[in-house]
N, C-alpha and C. Protein backbone atom coordinates (compact mmCIF):
# COMPACT_ATOMS: atom_id res chain seq x y z
N MET A 1 -122.99 138.56 58.08
CA MET A 1 -122.52 139.66 58.90
C MET A 1 -121.09 139.36 59.32
N PHE A 2 -120.36 140.42 59.58
CA PHE A 2 -118.98 140.26 60.03
C PHE A 2 -118.88 140.75 61.47
N LEU A 3 -118.31 139.91 62.34
CA LEU A 3 -118.19 140.22 63.76
C LEU A 3 -116.74 140.27 64.18
N GLU A 4 -116.40 141.31 64.96
CA GLU A 4 -115.09 141.40 65.61
C GLU A 4 -115.33 141.62 67.10
N ILE A 5 -114.65 140.81 67.92
CA ILE A 5 -114.68 141.00 69.37
C ILE A 5 -113.26 141.33 69.77
N ILE A 6 -113.09 142.53 70.33
CA ILE A 6 -111.76 143.03 70.65
C ILE A 6 -111.69 143.36 72.14
N THR A 7 -110.62 142.91 72.80
CA THR A 7 -110.35 143.27 74.19
C THR A 7 -109.14 144.20 74.19
N PRO A 8 -108.82 144.80 75.34
CA PRO A 8 -107.62 145.64 75.38
C PRO A 8 -106.34 144.88 75.04
N ASP A 9 -106.33 143.56 75.26
CA ASP A 9 -105.14 142.75 75.02
C ASP A 9 -105.02 142.20 73.61
N LYS A 10 -106.17 141.79 73.04
CA LYS A 10 -106.11 141.10 71.75
C LYS A 10 -107.48 141.03 71.09
N LYS A 11 -107.50 140.60 69.84
CA LYS A 11 -108.74 140.32 69.13
C LYS A 11 -109.09 138.86 69.42
N ILE A 12 -110.27 138.63 70.03
CA ILE A 12 -110.59 137.25 70.40
C ILE A 12 -111.49 136.55 69.38
N TYR A 13 -112.11 137.32 68.48
CA TYR A 13 -112.89 136.68 67.41
C TYR A 13 -112.98 137.65 66.24
N SER A 14 -112.90 137.09 65.06
CA SER A 14 -113.08 137.85 63.83
C SER A 14 -113.58 136.89 62.76
N GLY A 15 -114.78 137.13 62.24
CA GLY A 15 -115.28 136.25 61.20
C GLY A 15 -116.74 136.50 60.88
N ASN A 16 -117.24 135.78 59.90
CA ASN A 16 -118.63 135.90 59.47
C ASN A 16 -119.52 135.07 60.39
N VAL A 17 -120.69 135.62 60.71
CA VAL A 17 -121.63 134.96 61.61
C VAL A 17 -123.05 135.05 61.05
N LYS A 18 -123.89 134.11 61.49
CA LYS A 18 -125.32 134.15 61.13
C LYS A 18 -126.12 134.92 62.16
N SER A 19 -125.73 134.79 63.44
CA SER A 19 -126.43 135.50 64.51
C SER A 19 -125.51 135.70 65.70
N VAL A 20 -125.85 136.72 66.51
CA VAL A 20 -125.09 137.04 67.71
C VAL A 20 -126.07 137.42 68.81
N ARG A 21 -125.83 136.96 70.03
CA ARG A 21 -126.60 137.39 71.20
C ARG A 21 -125.64 138.08 72.15
N LEU A 22 -126.01 139.32 72.53
CA LEU A 22 -125.15 140.17 73.34
C LEU A 22 -125.82 140.53 74.66
N PRO A 23 -125.04 140.66 75.74
CA PRO A 23 -125.61 141.02 77.05
C PRO A 23 -125.72 142.54 77.21
N GLY A 24 -126.74 143.13 76.64
CA GLY A 24 -126.92 144.58 76.73
C GLY A 24 -127.15 145.05 78.15
N ALA A 25 -126.83 146.31 78.41
CA ALA A 25 -126.99 146.87 79.75
C ALA A 25 -128.45 146.83 80.21
N ASP A 26 -129.41 146.92 79.28
CA ASP A 26 -130.83 146.87 79.63
C ASP A 26 -131.47 145.53 79.30
N GLY A 27 -130.65 144.51 79.08
CA GLY A 27 -131.14 143.17 78.76
C GLY A 27 -130.46 142.64 77.51
N SER A 28 -130.41 141.33 77.39
CA SER A 28 -129.73 140.74 76.24
C SER A 28 -130.54 140.98 74.97
N PHE A 29 -129.83 141.02 73.85
CA PHE A 29 -130.48 141.22 72.56
C PHE A 29 -129.73 140.46 71.48
N GLY A 30 -130.46 140.12 70.43
CA GLY A 30 -129.89 139.39 69.32
C GLY A 30 -129.71 140.27 68.11
N VAL A 31 -128.75 139.90 67.28
CA VAL A 31 -128.49 140.62 66.03
C VAL A 31 -128.48 139.61 64.90
N LEU A 32 -129.28 139.87 63.89
CA LEU A 32 -129.33 139.06 62.67
C LEU A 32 -128.92 139.92 61.49
N ASN A 33 -128.80 139.31 60.34
CA ASN A 33 -128.43 140.02 59.12
C ASN A 33 -129.37 141.19 58.86
N ASN A 34 -128.85 142.31 58.39
CA ASN A 34 -129.61 143.52 58.07
C ASN A 34 -130.27 144.17 59.28
N HIS A 35 -129.67 143.99 60.46
CA HIS A 35 -130.17 144.62 61.68
C HIS A 35 -130.03 146.13 61.58
N ALA A 36 -130.93 146.86 62.22
CA ALA A 36 -130.83 148.32 62.26
C ALA A 36 -129.55 148.74 62.98
N ALA A 37 -129.05 149.90 62.64
CA ALA A 37 -127.84 150.42 63.28
C ALA A 37 -128.12 150.65 64.76
N ILE A 38 -127.15 150.29 65.60
CA ILE A 38 -127.30 150.44 67.04
C ILE A 38 -125.93 150.53 67.70
N ILE A 39 -125.87 151.30 68.78
CA ILE A 39 -124.72 151.30 69.67
C ILE A 39 -125.27 151.02 71.05
N SER A 40 -124.67 150.05 71.76
CA SER A 40 -125.18 149.66 73.06
C SER A 40 -124.04 149.38 74.02
N SER A 41 -124.23 149.78 75.28
CA SER A 41 -123.29 149.36 76.31
C SER A 41 -123.63 147.92 76.70
N LEU A 42 -122.63 147.19 77.12
CA LEU A 42 -122.79 145.80 77.47
C LEU A 42 -122.44 145.58 78.94
N LYS A 43 -123.15 144.67 79.58
CA LYS A 43 -122.84 144.33 80.96
C LYS A 43 -122.09 142.99 81.00
N LYS A 44 -121.68 142.59 82.19
CA LYS A 44 -121.00 141.31 82.34
C LYS A 44 -121.95 140.20 81.89
N GLY A 45 -121.43 139.30 81.09
CA GLY A 45 -122.27 138.21 80.58
C GLY A 45 -121.56 137.44 79.49
N LYS A 46 -122.37 136.81 78.65
CA LYS A 46 -121.86 135.92 77.63
C LYS A 46 -122.28 136.40 76.25
N ILE A 47 -121.33 136.46 75.32
CA ILE A 47 -121.63 136.68 73.91
C ILE A 47 -121.74 135.32 73.27
N SER A 48 -122.89 135.05 72.66
CA SER A 48 -123.11 133.78 71.97
C SER A 48 -123.27 134.07 70.49
N LEU A 49 -122.66 133.21 69.66
CA LEU A 49 -122.77 133.41 68.23
C LEU A 49 -122.92 132.08 67.51
N VAL A 50 -123.49 132.17 66.32
CA VAL A 50 -123.54 131.04 65.40
C VAL A 50 -122.81 131.50 64.15
N ASP A 51 -121.71 130.80 63.83
CA ASP A 51 -120.90 131.24 62.69
C ASP A 51 -121.52 130.78 61.37
N ASP A 52 -120.87 131.13 60.27
CA ASP A 52 -121.41 130.81 58.95
C ASP A 52 -121.40 129.33 58.62
N LYS A 53 -120.77 128.52 59.48
CA LYS A 53 -120.79 127.06 59.32
C LYS A 53 -121.79 126.42 60.30
N SER A 54 -122.65 127.25 60.91
CA SER A 54 -123.67 126.83 61.88
C SER A 54 -123.09 126.24 63.16
N GLU A 55 -121.86 126.60 63.50
CA GLU A 55 -121.25 126.16 64.75
C GLU A 55 -121.39 127.25 65.78
N SER A 56 -121.75 126.87 67.02
CA SER A 56 -121.95 127.83 68.10
C SER A 56 -120.67 128.05 68.88
N GLN A 57 -120.47 129.28 69.33
CA GLN A 57 -119.35 129.63 70.19
C GLN A 57 -119.86 130.65 71.20
N SER A 58 -119.17 130.76 72.33
CA SER A 58 -119.52 131.80 73.29
C SER A 58 -118.26 132.32 73.97
N PHE A 59 -118.36 133.57 74.43
CA PHE A 59 -117.25 134.25 75.09
C PHE A 59 -117.79 135.00 76.29
N ASP A 60 -117.14 134.88 77.44
CA ASP A 60 -117.52 135.63 78.63
C ASP A 60 -116.85 136.99 78.59
N ILE A 61 -117.63 138.04 78.92
CA ILE A 61 -117.07 139.39 78.98
C ILE A 61 -117.48 140.03 80.30
N ASN A 62 -116.76 141.08 80.68
CA ASN A 62 -117.05 141.82 81.91
C ASN A 62 -117.69 143.18 81.61
N GLY A 63 -118.20 143.36 80.40
CA GLY A 63 -118.81 144.61 79.98
C GLY A 63 -118.15 145.11 78.72
N GLY A 64 -118.64 146.24 78.22
CA GLY A 64 -118.06 146.82 77.02
C GLY A 64 -119.08 147.60 76.22
N VAL A 65 -118.80 147.73 74.92
CA VAL A 65 -119.66 148.48 74.00
C VAL A 65 -119.75 147.71 72.69
N ALA A 66 -120.95 147.72 72.09
CA ALA A 66 -121.14 147.07 70.79
C ALA A 66 -121.70 148.08 69.80
N GLU A 67 -121.21 148.00 68.56
CA GLU A 67 -121.73 148.82 67.47
C GLU A 67 -122.15 147.90 66.34
N VAL A 68 -123.38 148.09 65.85
CA VAL A 68 -123.88 147.35 64.70
C VAL A 68 -124.16 148.36 63.60
N LEU A 69 -123.53 148.19 62.44
CA LEU A 69 -123.70 149.13 61.34
C LEU A 69 -123.40 148.43 60.03
N ASN A 70 -124.35 148.42 59.11
CA ASN A 70 -124.15 147.86 57.77
C ASN A 70 -123.62 146.43 57.80
N ASN A 71 -124.26 145.57 58.61
CA ASN A 71 -123.88 144.15 58.73
C ASN A 71 -122.47 143.94 59.26
N ASN A 72 -121.93 144.93 59.96
CA ASN A 72 -120.66 144.80 60.67
C ASN A 72 -120.92 145.03 62.15
N ILE A 73 -120.42 144.13 62.97
CA ILE A 73 -120.58 144.25 64.42
C ILE A 73 -119.18 144.33 65.03
N ILE A 74 -118.97 145.39 65.81
CA ILE A 74 -117.70 145.53 66.53
C ILE A 74 -118.04 145.55 68.01
N VAL A 75 -117.42 144.66 68.76
CA VAL A 75 -117.60 144.61 70.20
C VAL A 75 -116.26 144.95 70.84
N LEU A 76 -116.25 146.02 71.63
CA LEU A 76 -115.08 146.37 72.44
C LEU A 76 -115.39 145.87 73.84
N ALA A 77 -114.74 144.79 74.23
CA ALA A 77 -115.08 144.09 75.47
C ALA A 77 -113.99 144.22 76.51
N GLU A 78 -114.41 144.16 77.77
CA GLU A 78 -113.48 144.13 78.88
C GLU A 78 -113.18 142.70 79.25
């Protein structure tokens, strides 16, 4: 899957990932390869990911929106 995390100032992550955990407005949720299409609002929290080299990273956000479509994830974060 390809993930982009974009803030109003800059792109903070762009790359292939194995999994992503997002802080959804109604609770956190995970995204794996071939996930169903979804658009979700995000609350303040942490985005956690495992990249294609099995290394973990995380980013704190203050909310935003995530779109998952055809193994592409775009997060517009505050």
